[in-house]
Amino acid sequence: MAKELVGAPVGRREFIALVINRYEARKGDEIERIAEDVRALLEKLDGDHRASDIAAFKDALLKWDRLAQPLQVADSVLGIDEPHSRDLFRSIREHCIDLANNKSQNTLAMAILEIGKPVFNELPDASASIDKDIYALKDLARGERLEAALSPLKLLVDTASRDFAKLGREVRLPRISHQHKAIMAALDEALSSGDPETSAIAVAMIRGLAIKLANDVEDNSGALAITTSLLQRQGRLPSETTAQLQKDHVALARNISFSNMMDALKSGNLSHAKTLANSLAANADGEEARSIQNILHLISERQKKSRNGWIWTAVILGGIVAIIALSEKNSGSVSNYDPPSQYNDTSTAGSVENILANTESNSEEASIENKIQNDGVAADDEVSIKENRPPLYSIGTSFDRSQVRYCMMQKARLEAANNVSARPTEYKIQQFNLTVDDYNSRCSNFRYHNDDMTAVQQEVNENASRLRSEGEALVDGGY
């Protein structure tokens, strides 16, 4: 009947309004008395209550709702909140706010609001407020749940992050490593919740350790050991998490194979290097496949050459540099494993050829290399634009502008040296090969800020003539 207040003929509306007013006059005191009972039962819900207290509160609230329903409907038709209902709702909401903010009882506050939601559904403002409150409380409850499930693991991960060298050693010995056992036990505890979100976050925390081992300290073997331990639990992991870990495993295994291939080349074990290169080529595609084929070609050519001949390294100088651009506009962190970038472009072939050239160097290498190092420093001092030579074997490191400048300007010098028309002496070839090898050991794989690279490229263009002269002096003079 109350719903007919809108749209009914004037006489009908007046009759309905009279009935509702008489109903309120007769039932108003009882509605308020039961409302006080509801408030009294509400005060008992403080976290130390019994399950029966929740049930008693719900029963009283539903009893109150049966009496207040006609008044709620009548006022909701008019677009307003019924006064008795509005006052009780405020009492309930204030109690829930106190539970959440002052007593950390988010789950209880949400349960009370869920009970009240259908009761106050006819109150336009109250209904919208309850929906917002329940959404906020669900998010807080989620945070509480995740913190309770993950805090032991987080403590262990934070401790492990303080010493990656130690972590890398210990993860290789999982049966005797207390640290590794503790981390995996905490992971198993988190996985036992059966909650997909908790499981995914727990794995991501440990995967983060593997990422840092691989990217920051270049310990691919340690990262692979952690990834293997995670995959041993794939039956309890979300499918997308397992898929990501499997990709990580493949990338890390290939990085290790590539590193082993490079070590074999450096030691002169060309047969083993060729076996590893063939293994890498089997699963490569695109640019990576072409790069590995170049490596195989270089190894084959090296095996054919006489040991008395010199290799003119700069023939493929254009492939020396492999630079991975890392956008750091938002942060400097790396959110994934570095791809096997050492072999994903033709720059790898340049590095390999330099290594092959070094296997032919004679006992004069040390003195020649020292001369090159000293000459390079002297040249740097004479250049008005500061060039800082990066450390040796700084693969994957983020370079500052002065280090980027050294790499790009030295590349320009080496390219100029390659274009010298005169046939250099064997000694000059050897000297040049060592310079290229030194360059590759410092600049073959690094990260940079886009702004730094843009500025340095402009500087290289502006100093092209000087850099060309300095490069030509590498094989035809004294730079």
Protein backbone atom coordinates (compact mmCIF):
# COMPACT_ATOMS: atom_id res chain seq x y z
CA MET A 1 0.00 0.00 0.00
CA ALA A 2 2.82 2.44 0.88
CA LYS A 3 4.25 2.15 -2.63
CA GLU A 4 1.02 3.60 -4.03
CA LEU A 5 1.80 7.03 -2.57
CA VAL A 6 3.27 8.00 -5.95
CA GLY A 7 0.99 7.93 -8.96
CA ALA A 8 -2.22 7.18 -7.11
CA PRO A 9 -5.23 9.51 -7.35
CA VAL A 10 -5.31 12.30 -4.80
CA GLY A 11 -7.98 10.66 -2.70
CA ARG A 12 -6.13 7.37 -2.63
CA ARG A 13 -2.86 9.08 -1.60
CA GLU A 14 -4.56 10.88 1.25
CA PHE A 15 -6.09 7.63 2.50
CA ILE A 16 -2.73 5.80 2.39
CA ALA A 17 -0.93 8.66 4.16
CA LEU A 18 -3.57 8.60 6.92
CA VAL A 19 -3.16 4.85 7.39
CA ILE A 20 0.65 5.16 7.61
CA ASN A 21 0.43 8.01 10.11
CA ARG A 22 -1.92 6.00 12.33
CA TYR A 23 0.41 2.99 12.01
CA GLU A 24 3.37 5.07 13.17
CA ALA A 25 1.38 6.49 16.07
CA ARG A 26 0.41 2.99 17.20
CA LYS A 27 3.75 1.22 16.56
CA GLY A 28 6.26 4.06 17.00
CA ASP A 29 7.05 3.34 20.68
CA GLU A 30 7.48 -0.37 19.98
CA ILE A 31 9.78 0.37 17.04
CA GLU A 32 11.97 2.57 19.27
CA ARG A 33 11.99 -0.01 22.09
CA ILE A 34 13.20 -2.75 19.77
CA ALA A 35 15.71 -0.33 18.26
CA GLU A 36 17.21 0.12 21.74
CA ASP A 37 17.39 -3.67 22.08
CA VAL A 38 19.26 -3.79 18.77
CA ARG A 39 21.73 -1.14 20.00
CA ALA A 40 22.32 -3.03 23.25
CA LEU A 41 23.05 -6.26 21.37
CA LEU A 42 25.24 -4.31 18.94
CA GLU A 43 27.49 -3.14 21.81
CA LYS A 44 28.26 -6.77 22.66
CA LEU A 45 29.78 -7.29 19.22
CA ASP A 46 33.33 -6.15 20.02
CA GLY A 47 35.53 -9.04 18.96
CA ASP A 48 35.19 -10.97 22.21
CA HIS A 49 31.59 -11.91 21.56
CA ARG A 50 30.11 -15.34 21.02
CA ALA A 51 28.47 -16.61 17.87
CA SER A 52 25.11 -16.49 19.68
CA ASP A 53 25.55 -12.71 20.13
CA ILE A 54 25.66 -12.26 16.35
CA ALA A 55 22.55 -14.41 15.96
CA ALA A 56 20.67 -12.44 18.66
CA PHE A 57 21.61 -9.14 17.02
CA LYS A 58 20.40 -10.36 13.64
CA ASP A 59 17.10 -11.65 15.06
CA ALA A 60 16.39 -8.36 16.86
CA LEU A 61 17.26 -6.30 13.78
CA LEU A 62 14.95 -8.39 11.57
CA LYS A 63 12.15 -8.08 14.15
CA TRP A 64 12.62 -4.30 14.14
CA ASP A 65 12.63 -4.29 10.32
CA ARG A 66 9.26 -6.05 10.14
CA LEU A 67 7.70 -3.25 12.19
CA ALA A 68 9.56 -0.39 10.47
CA GLN A 69 9.16 -1.67 6.91
CA PRO A 70 5.92 0.18 6.04
CA LEU A 71 7.39 3.48 7.22
CA GLN A 72 10.64 2.86 5.28
CA VAL A 73 8.79 2.09 2.07
CA ALA A 74 6.50 5.08 2.37
CA ASP A 75 9.39 7.51 2.82
CA SER A 76 11.59 5.84 0.17
CA VAL A 77 8.80 6.42 -2.37
CA LEU A 78 9.12 10.10 -1.53
CA GLY A 79 12.96 9.89 -1.89
CA ILE A 80 13.82 10.39 1.78
CA ASP A 81 15.26 8.25 4.59
CA GLU A 82 12.71 7.24 7.22
CA PRO A 83 13.74 8.94 10.56
CA HIS A 84 13.58 5.85 12.85
CA SER A 85 15.56 3.82 10.35
CA ARG A 86 18.06 6.59 9.69
CA ASP A 87 18.86 6.92 13.40
CA LEU A 88 19.35 3.18 13.90
CA PHE A 89 21.49 2.92 10.78
CA ARG A 90 23.74 5.70 12.06
CA SER A 91 24.21 3.85 15.35
CA ILE A 92 25.15 0.67 13.54
CA ARG A 93 27.50 2.40 11.11
CA GLU A 94 29.27 4.34 13.87
CA HIS A 95 29.84 1.10 15.76
CA CYS A 96 31.29 -0.53 12.63
CA ILE A 97 33.60 2.44 12.04
CA ASP A 98 34.87 2.14 15.61
CA LEU A 99 35.45 -1.59 15.17
CA ALA A 100 37.47 -1.03 11.98
CA ASN A 101 39.45 2.06 12.92
CA ASN A 102 40.13 1.52 16.63
CA LYS A 103 39.95 -2.23 17.15
CA SER A 104 41.11 -3.64 13.77
CA GLN A 105 37.93 -5.70 13.59
CA ASN A 106 37.37 -5.25 9.87
CA THR A 107 35.83 -8.67 9.31
CA LEU A 108 33.33 -8.21 12.15
CA ALA A 109 32.39 -4.72 10.95
CA MET A 110 31.80 -6.08 7.47
CA ALA A 111 29.64 -8.94 8.84
CA ILE A 112 27.43 -6.47 10.74
CA LEU A 113 26.96 -4.30 7.67
CA GLU A 114 26.12 -7.34 5.57
CA ILE A 115 23.35 -8.17 8.06
CA GLY A 116 22.06 -4.61 7.89
CA LYS A 117 22.22 -4.21 4.12
CA PRO A 118 18.80 -5.78 3.28
CA VAL A 119 17.22 -4.14 6.35
CA PHE A 120 18.15 -0.61 5.24
CA ASN A 121 17.78 -1.21 1.51
CA GLU A 122 14.79 1.14 1.34
CA LEU A 123 16.89 4.08 2.61
CA PRO A 124 18.47 5.68 -0.50
CA ASP A 125 21.38 7.36 1.29
CA ALA A 126 21.98 4.53 3.75
CA SER A 127 22.00 1.88 1.02
CA ALA A 128 24.70 3.68 -0.97
CA SER A 129 26.75 4.26 2.18
CA ILE A 130 26.63 0.57 3.13
CA ASP A 131 27.87 -0.52 -0.28
CA LYS A 132 30.87 1.84 -0.05
CA ASP A 133 31.64 0.77 3.51
CA ILE A 134 31.50 -2.93 2.68
CA TYR A 135 33.81 -2.42 -0.31
CA ALA A 136 36.35 -0.54 1.85
CA LEU A 137 36.14 -3.13 4.63
CA LYS A 138 36.64 -5.99 2.20
CA ASP A 139 39.82 -4.34 0.99
CA LEU A 140 41.04 -3.84 4.58
CA ALA A 141 40.15 -7.42 5.47
CA ARG A 142 42.04 -8.60 2.42
CA GLY A 143 45.09 -6.66 3.59
CA GLU A 144 44.82 -8.21 7.05
CA ARG A 145 44.52 -11.68 5.58
CA LEU A 146 47.52 -11.23 3.30
CA GLU A 147 49.63 -9.73 6.07
CA ALA A 148 48.86 -12.59 8.42
CA ALA A 149 49.65 -15.17 5.75
CA LEU A 150 52.74 -13.52 4.29
CA SER A 151 54.50 -11.64 7.10
CA PRO A 152 56.74 -14.61 8.11
CA LEU A 153 57.83 -15.07 4.50
CA LYS A 154 58.38 -11.34 4.00
CA LEU A 155 60.72 -11.22 6.99
CA LEU A 156 62.82 -14.05 5.57
CA VAL A 157 62.88 -12.53 2.08
CA ASP A 158 63.96 -9.15 3.48
CA THR A 159 66.78 -10.84 5.42
CA ALA A 160 67.94 -12.77 2.35
CA SER A 161 67.96 -9.55 0.29
CA ARG A 162 70.70 -8.09 2.48
CA ASP A 163 73.33 -10.57 1.26
CA PHE A 164 72.77 -11.94 -2.23
CA ALA A 165 76.20 -13.54 -2.37
CA LYS A 166 75.30 -15.66 0.65
CA LEU A 167 71.86 -16.42 -0.77
CA GLY A 168 73.40 -17.56 -4.07
CA ARG A 169 75.71 -19.96 -2.24
CA GLU A 170 73.00 -21.38 -0.02
CA VAL A 171 70.32 -21.98 -2.63
CA ARG A 172 72.76 -24.31 -4.39
CA LEU A 173 72.76 -26.48 -1.25
CA PRO A 174 69.05 -26.70 -0.45
CA ARG A 175 69.38 -29.79 1.73
CA ILE A 176 71.73 -28.16 4.22
CA SER A 177 70.88 -24.48 3.83
CA HIS A 178 68.90 -23.25 6.82
CA GLN A 179 67.98 -20.05 4.99
CA HIS A 180 66.66 -21.87 1.94
CA LYS A 181 64.71 -24.34 4.07
CA ALA A 182 63.16 -21.55 6.14
CA ILE A 183 62.08 -19.59 3.05
CA MET A 184 60.52 -22.62 1.40
CA ALA A 185 58.80 -23.67 4.66
CA ALA A 186 57.26 -20.20 4.92
CA LEU A 187 56.18 -20.46 1.28
CA ASP A 188 54.54 -23.83 1.94
CA GLU A 189 52.69 -22.34 4.89
CA ALA A 190 51.38 -19.52 2.71
CA LEU A 191 50.37 -21.96 -0.03
CA SER A 192 48.47 -24.07 2.51
CA SER A 193 45.84 -21.31 2.72
CA GLY A 194 44.57 -22.41 -0.67
CA ASP A 195 43.97 -18.76 -1.58
CA PRO A 196 45.16 -18.05 -5.17
CA GLU A 197 46.04 -14.43 -4.39
CA THR A 198 48.12 -15.36 -1.35
CA SER A 199 49.88 -18.07 -3.34
CA ALA A 200 50.65 -15.75 -6.25
CA ILE A 201 52.06 -13.02 -4.01
CA ALA A 202 54.13 -15.49 -1.98
CA VAL A 203 55.72 -16.87 -5.13
CA ALA A 204 56.28 -13.36 -6.50
CA MET A 205 58.20 -12.45 -3.33
CA ILE A 206 60.59 -15.38 -3.75
CA ARG A 207 60.75 -14.92 -7.51
CA GLY A 208 61.88 -11.38 -6.75
CA LEU A 209 64.95 -12.84 -5.04
CA ALA A 210 65.72 -14.87 -8.14
CA ILE A 211 65.28 -11.81 -10.34
CA LYS A 212 67.74 -9.83 -8.24
CA LEU A 213 70.23 -12.68 -8.22
CA ALA A 214 70.09 -12.88 -12.02
CA ASN A 215 69.96 -9.17 -12.80
CA ASP A 216 71.91 -7.49 -10.03
CA VAL A 217 74.68 -9.96 -9.24
CA GLU A 218 74.53 -12.03 -12.46
CA ASP A 219 74.07 -15.27 -10.53
CA ASN A 220 71.94 -17.16 -13.04
CA SER A 221 72.70 -20.50 -11.39
CA GLY A 222 71.41 -19.29 -8.02
CA ALA A 223 68.32 -17.83 -9.69
CA LEU A 224 67.74 -21.12 -11.49
CA ALA A 225 67.98 -23.04 -8.21
CA ILE A 226 65.28 -20.84 -6.67
CA THR A 227 63.08 -21.13 -9.76
CA THR A 228 63.45 -24.92 -9.72
CA SER A 229 62.35 -25.04 -6.07
CA LEU A 230 59.29 -22.96 -6.92
CA LEU A 231 58.37 -25.18 -9.85
CA GLN A 232 58.50 -28.22 -7.58
CA ARG A 233 55.34 -26.76 -6.02
CA GLN A 234 53.55 -26.02 -9.30
CA GLY A 235 50.65 -28.30 -8.38
CA ARG A 236 49.64 -25.74 -5.75
CA LEU A 237 50.29 -22.61 -7.80
CA PRO A 238 47.95 -20.60 -10.04
CA SER A 239 48.37 -21.62 -13.67
CA GLU A 240 49.58 -18.18 -14.79
CA THR A 241 52.23 -18.21 -12.04
CA THR A 242 53.47 -21.61 -13.16
CA ALA A 243 53.62 -20.45 -16.78
CA GLN A 244 55.76 -17.44 -15.81
CA LEU A 245 58.14 -19.60 -13.76
CA GLN A 246 58.55 -22.00 -16.67
CA LYS A 247 59.52 -19.08 -18.92
CA ASP A 248 62.00 -17.93 -16.28
CA HIS A 249 63.48 -21.42 -16.10
CA VAL A 250 64.05 -21.54 -19.85
CA ALA A 251 65.59 -18.05 -19.94
CA LEU A 252 67.93 -18.77 -17.04
CA ALA A 253 69.02 -22.13 -18.43
CA ARG A 254 69.85 -20.49 -21.76
CA ASN A 255 71.78 -17.73 -20.02
CA ILE A 256 73.84 -20.35 -18.23
CA SER A 257 74.45 -22.28 -21.46
CA PHE A 258 75.54 -19.11 -23.19
CA SER A 259 77.89 -18.23 -20.33
CA ASN A 260 79.38 -21.72 -20.50
CA MET A 261 79.84 -21.34 -24.25
CA MET A 262 81.70 -18.06 -23.76
CA ASP A 263 83.93 -19.66 -21.12
CA ALA A 264 84.70 -22.50 -23.51
CA LEU A 265 85.64 -20.01 -26.21
CA LYS A 266 87.90 -18.09 -23.84
CA SER A 267 89.68 -21.28 -22.82
CA GLY A 268 90.10 -22.34 -26.46
CA ASN A 269 87.79 -25.35 -26.17
CA LEU A 270 86.12 -24.72 -29.52
CA SER A 271 84.58 -28.18 -29.78
CA HIS A 272 82.66 -27.77 -26.53
CA ALA A 273 81.71 -24.20 -27.45
CA LYS A 274 80.33 -25.42 -30.77
CA THR A 275 78.26 -28.10 -29.02
CA LEU A 276 76.74 -25.51 -26.70
CA ALA A 277 76.09 -23.12 -29.60
CA ASN A 278 74.30 -25.87 -31.52
CA SER A 279 72.17 -26.57 -28.44
CA LEU A 280 71.24 -22.89 -28.16
CA ALA A 281 70.49 -22.68 -31.87
CA ALA A 282 68.01 -25.55 -31.63
CA ASN A 283 65.52 -23.41 -29.70
CA ALA A 284 66.36 -19.99 -31.08
CA ASP A 285 64.39 -17.95 -33.56
CA GLY A 286 64.51 -14.60 -35.28
CA GLU A 287 67.46 -12.35 -34.53
CA GLU A 288 68.73 -14.69 -31.84
CA ALA A 289 68.90 -17.57 -34.29
CA ARG A 290 70.84 -15.46 -36.80
CA SER A 291 73.28 -14.37 -34.11
CA ILE A 292 73.99 -17.91 -32.97
CA GLN A 293 74.49 -19.01 -36.57
CA ASN A 294 77.09 -16.25 -36.85
CA ILE A 295 78.81 -17.67 -33.79
CA LEU A 296 78.84 -21.15 -35.29
CA HIS A 297 80.28 -19.75 -38.52
CA LEU A 298 83.03 -17.91 -36.64
CA ILE A 299 83.94 -21.02 -34.68
CA SER A 300 84.12 -23.08 -37.86
CA GLU A 301 86.27 -20.45 -39.56
CA ARG A 302 88.54 -20.33 -36.56
CA GLN A 303 88.97 -24.09 -36.62
CA LYS A 304 90.02 -23.87 -40.28
CA LYS A 305 92.54 -21.06 -39.87
CA SER A 306 96.22 -21.57 -39.42
CA ARG A 307 97.51 -20.66 -35.99
CA ASN A 308 100.06 -18.40 -37.65
CA GLY A 309 97.47 -16.10 -39.19
CA TRP A 310 96.01 -12.99 -37.64
CA ILE A 311 92.30 -12.34 -37.33
CA TRP A 312 91.34 -8.82 -38.29
CA THR A 313 88.66 -8.40 -35.58
CA ALA A 314 87.25 -5.18 -36.92
CA VAL A 315 85.82 -6.82 -40.05
CA ILE A 316 82.49 -7.06 -38.26
CA LEU A 317 83.05 -4.14 -35.95
CA GLY A 318 79.56 -2.84 -36.59
CA GLY A 319 78.29 -5.69 -34.45
CA ILE A 320 80.31 -4.88 -31.33
CA VAL A 321 77.72 -3.13 -29.27
CA ALA A 322 74.74 -4.74 -27.57
CA ILE A 323 72.90 -2.14 -25.54
CA ILE A 324 69.73 -2.89 -23.62
CA ALA A 325 67.67 0.25 -23.10
CA LEU A 326 65.97 0.27 -19.73
CA SER A 327 63.27 2.89 -19.27
CA GLU A 328 63.70 4.42 -15.84
CA LYS A 329 61.07 7.12 -16.08
CA ASN A 330 59.07 5.59 -13.24
CA SER A 331 61.64 3.57 -11.33
CA GLY A 332 64.97 1.88 -11.72
CA SER A 333 63.74 -1.56 -10.76
CA VAL A 334 63.62 -4.54 -13.09
CA SER A 335 60.34 -6.41 -12.92
CA ASN A 336 61.36 -9.49 -14.88
CA TYR A 337 64.34 -11.64 -15.73
CA ASP A 338 66.64 -10.07 -18.21
CA PRO A 339 66.21 -11.94 -21.51
CA PRO A 340 69.31 -13.78 -22.75
CA SER A 341 70.45 -10.54 -24.31
CA GLN A 342 74.05 -11.64 -24.67
CA TYR A 343 73.06 -13.58 -27.76
CA ASN A 344 69.95 -11.88 -29.09
CA ASP A 345 71.64 -9.75 -31.74
CA THR A 346 74.66 -9.71 -34.02
CA SER A 347 76.75 -8.02 -31.36
CA THR A 348 77.36 -11.44 -29.90
CA ALA A 349 79.19 -12.47 -33.01
CA GLY A 350 81.49 -9.49 -32.59
CA SER A 351 82.29 -10.47 -29.02
CA VAL A 352 82.90 -14.07 -30.01
CA GLU A 353 85.25 -13.09 -32.80
CA ASN A 354 87.23 -10.95 -30.37
CA ILE A 355 87.56 -13.89 -28.01
CA LEU A 356 88.71 -16.10 -30.85
CA ALA A 357 91.27 -13.46 -31.79
CA ASN A 358 92.57 -13.41 -28.24
CA THR A 359 93.20 -17.15 -28.28
CA GLU A 360 95.89 -16.39 -30.90
CA SER A 361 97.65 -13.59 -29.00
CA ASN A 362 101.26 -14.12 -27.92
CA SER A 363 103.14 -13.27 -24.75
CA GLU A 364 103.20 -9.57 -25.65
CA GLU A 365 99.48 -9.22 -24.80
CA ALA A 366 99.93 -8.04 -21.23
CA SER A 367 102.31 -5.23 -22.07
CA ILE A 368 100.27 -4.18 -25.10
CA GLU A 369 97.05 -4.13 -23.09
CA ASN A 370 98.68 -2.03 -20.38
CA LYS A 371 99.80 0.41 -23.06
CA ILE A 372 96.27 0.61 -24.42
CA GLN A 373 94.85 1.21 -20.94
CA ASN A 374 97.36 4.00 -20.27
CA ASP A 375 96.85 5.60 -23.67
CA GLY A 376 93.10 5.55 -23.15
CA VAL A 377 93.39 7.32 -19.81
CA ALA A 378 95.64 9.99 -21.27
CA ALA A 379 93.20 10.54 -24.09
CA ASP A 380 90.31 10.85 -21.66
CA ASP A 381 92.15 13.57 -19.75
CA GLU A 382 92.62 15.56 -22.91
CA VAL A 383 88.97 15.49 -23.88
CA SER A 384 86.92 18.37 -22.58
CA ILE A 385 83.83 16.16 -22.30
CA LYS A 386 84.31 13.76 -19.41
CA GLU A 387 84.49 10.06 -20.36
CA ASN A 388 84.55 7.52 -17.56
CA ARG A 389 85.57 4.03 -18.58
CA PRO A 390 83.08 1.54 -17.06
CA PRO A 391 84.40 -1.37 -14.96
CA LEU A 392 85.33 -4.60 -16.70
CA TYR A 393 82.53 -7.14 -17.22
CA SER A 394 79.80 -4.74 -16.11
CA ILE A 395 77.09 -6.63 -17.99
CA GLY A 396 73.56 -5.45 -17.24
CA THR A 397 74.73 -2.45 -15.18
CA SER A 398 73.01 0.94 -15.41
CA PHE A 399 75.65 3.43 -16.67
CA ASP A 400 75.76 7.11 -15.85
CA ARG A 401 76.15 9.67 -18.64
CA SER A 402 79.95 9.77 -18.50
CA GLN A 403 80.13 5.98 -18.88
CA VAL A 404 77.61 5.98 -21.73
CA ARG A 405 79.72 8.73 -23.31
CA TYR A 406 82.86 6.59 -23.12
CA CYS A 407 81.11 3.60 -24.72
CA MET A 408 79.56 5.54 -27.58
CA MET A 409 82.63 7.65 -28.32
CA GLN A 410 84.92 4.63 -28.15
CA LYS A 411 82.60 2.83 -30.54
CA ALA A 412 82.94 5.76 -32.97
CA ARG A 413 86.75 5.55 -32.68
CA LEU A 414 86.77 1.81 -33.34
CA GLU A 415 84.50 2.18 -36.36
CA ALA A 416 86.84 4.84 -37.76
CA ALA A 417 89.82 2.55 -37.21
CA ASN A 418 88.06 -0.16 -39.17
CA ASN A 419 87.76 2.17 -42.18
CA VAL A 420 91.48 2.96 -42.41
CA SER A 421 92.54 2.20 -45.98
CA ALA A 422 96.19 1.36 -45.27
CA ARG A 423 96.99 -2.24 -44.38
CA PRO A 424 98.15 -2.16 -40.74
CA THR A 425 100.99 -4.26 -39.41
CA GLU A 426 100.31 -7.48 -37.56
CA TYR A 427 101.32 -5.74 -34.35
CA LYS A 428 98.74 -3.02 -34.99
CA ILE A 429 96.10 -5.65 -35.72
CA GLN A 430 96.86 -7.33 -32.44
CA GLN A 431 96.78 -4.01 -30.61
CA PHE A 432 93.46 -3.15 -32.20
CA ASN A 433 92.00 -6.55 -31.33
CA LEU A 434 92.92 -6.03 -27.71
CA THR A 435 91.31 -2.59 -27.74
CA VAL A 436 88.10 -4.08 -29.14
CA ASP A 437 88.19 -6.85 -26.57
CA ASP A 438 88.64 -4.31 -23.79
CA TYR A 439 85.72 -2.32 -25.21
CA ASN A 440 83.45 -5.34 -25.34
CA SER A 441 84.32 -6.33 -21.79
CA ARG A 442 83.12 -2.92 -20.63
CA CYS A 443 80.39 -1.85 -23.05
CA SER A 444 78.85 -4.99 -24.57
CA ASN A 445 75.67 -4.95 -22.48
CA PHE A 446 74.43 -2.07 -20.33
CA ARG A 447 71.40 -0.01 -19.39
CA TYR A 448 70.97 3.71 -19.66
CA HIS A 449 68.55 6.58 -19.20
CA ASN A 450 67.02 7.65 -22.50
CA ASP A 451 67.93 11.29 -21.81
CA ASP A 452 71.59 10.35 -21.33
CA MET A 453 71.77 8.41 -24.59
CA THR A 454 70.09 11.22 -26.53
CA ALA A 455 72.55 13.79 -25.17
CA VAL A 456 75.57 11.55 -25.82
CA GLN A 457 74.52 10.79 -29.40
CA GLN A 458 74.42 14.53 -30.04
CA GLU A 459 77.90 14.90 -28.53
CA VAL A 460 79.22 12.10 -30.73
CA ASN A 461 77.85 13.86 -33.80
CA GLU A 462 79.36 17.18 -32.73
CA ASN A 463 82.80 15.58 -32.12
CA ALA A 464 82.75 13.27 -35.13
CA SER A 465 85.91 14.70 -36.70
CA ARG A 466 87.99 14.40 -33.53
CA LEU A 467 86.74 10.89 -32.79
CA ARG A 468 87.53 9.79 -36.36
CA SER A 469 91.11 11.06 -36.04
CA GLU A 470 91.55 9.35 -32.69
CA GLY A 471 90.17 6.12 -34.10
CA GLU A 472 92.48 6.17 -37.12
CA ALA A 473 95.40 6.64 -34.76
CA LEU A 474 94.60 3.29 -33.19
CA VAL A 475 95.97 1.51 -36.25
CA ASP A 476 98.03 4.27 -37.78
CA GLY A 477 99.57 6.24 -34.99
CA GLY A 478 99.60 6.70 -31.28
CA TYR A 479 96.08 7.26 -29.87
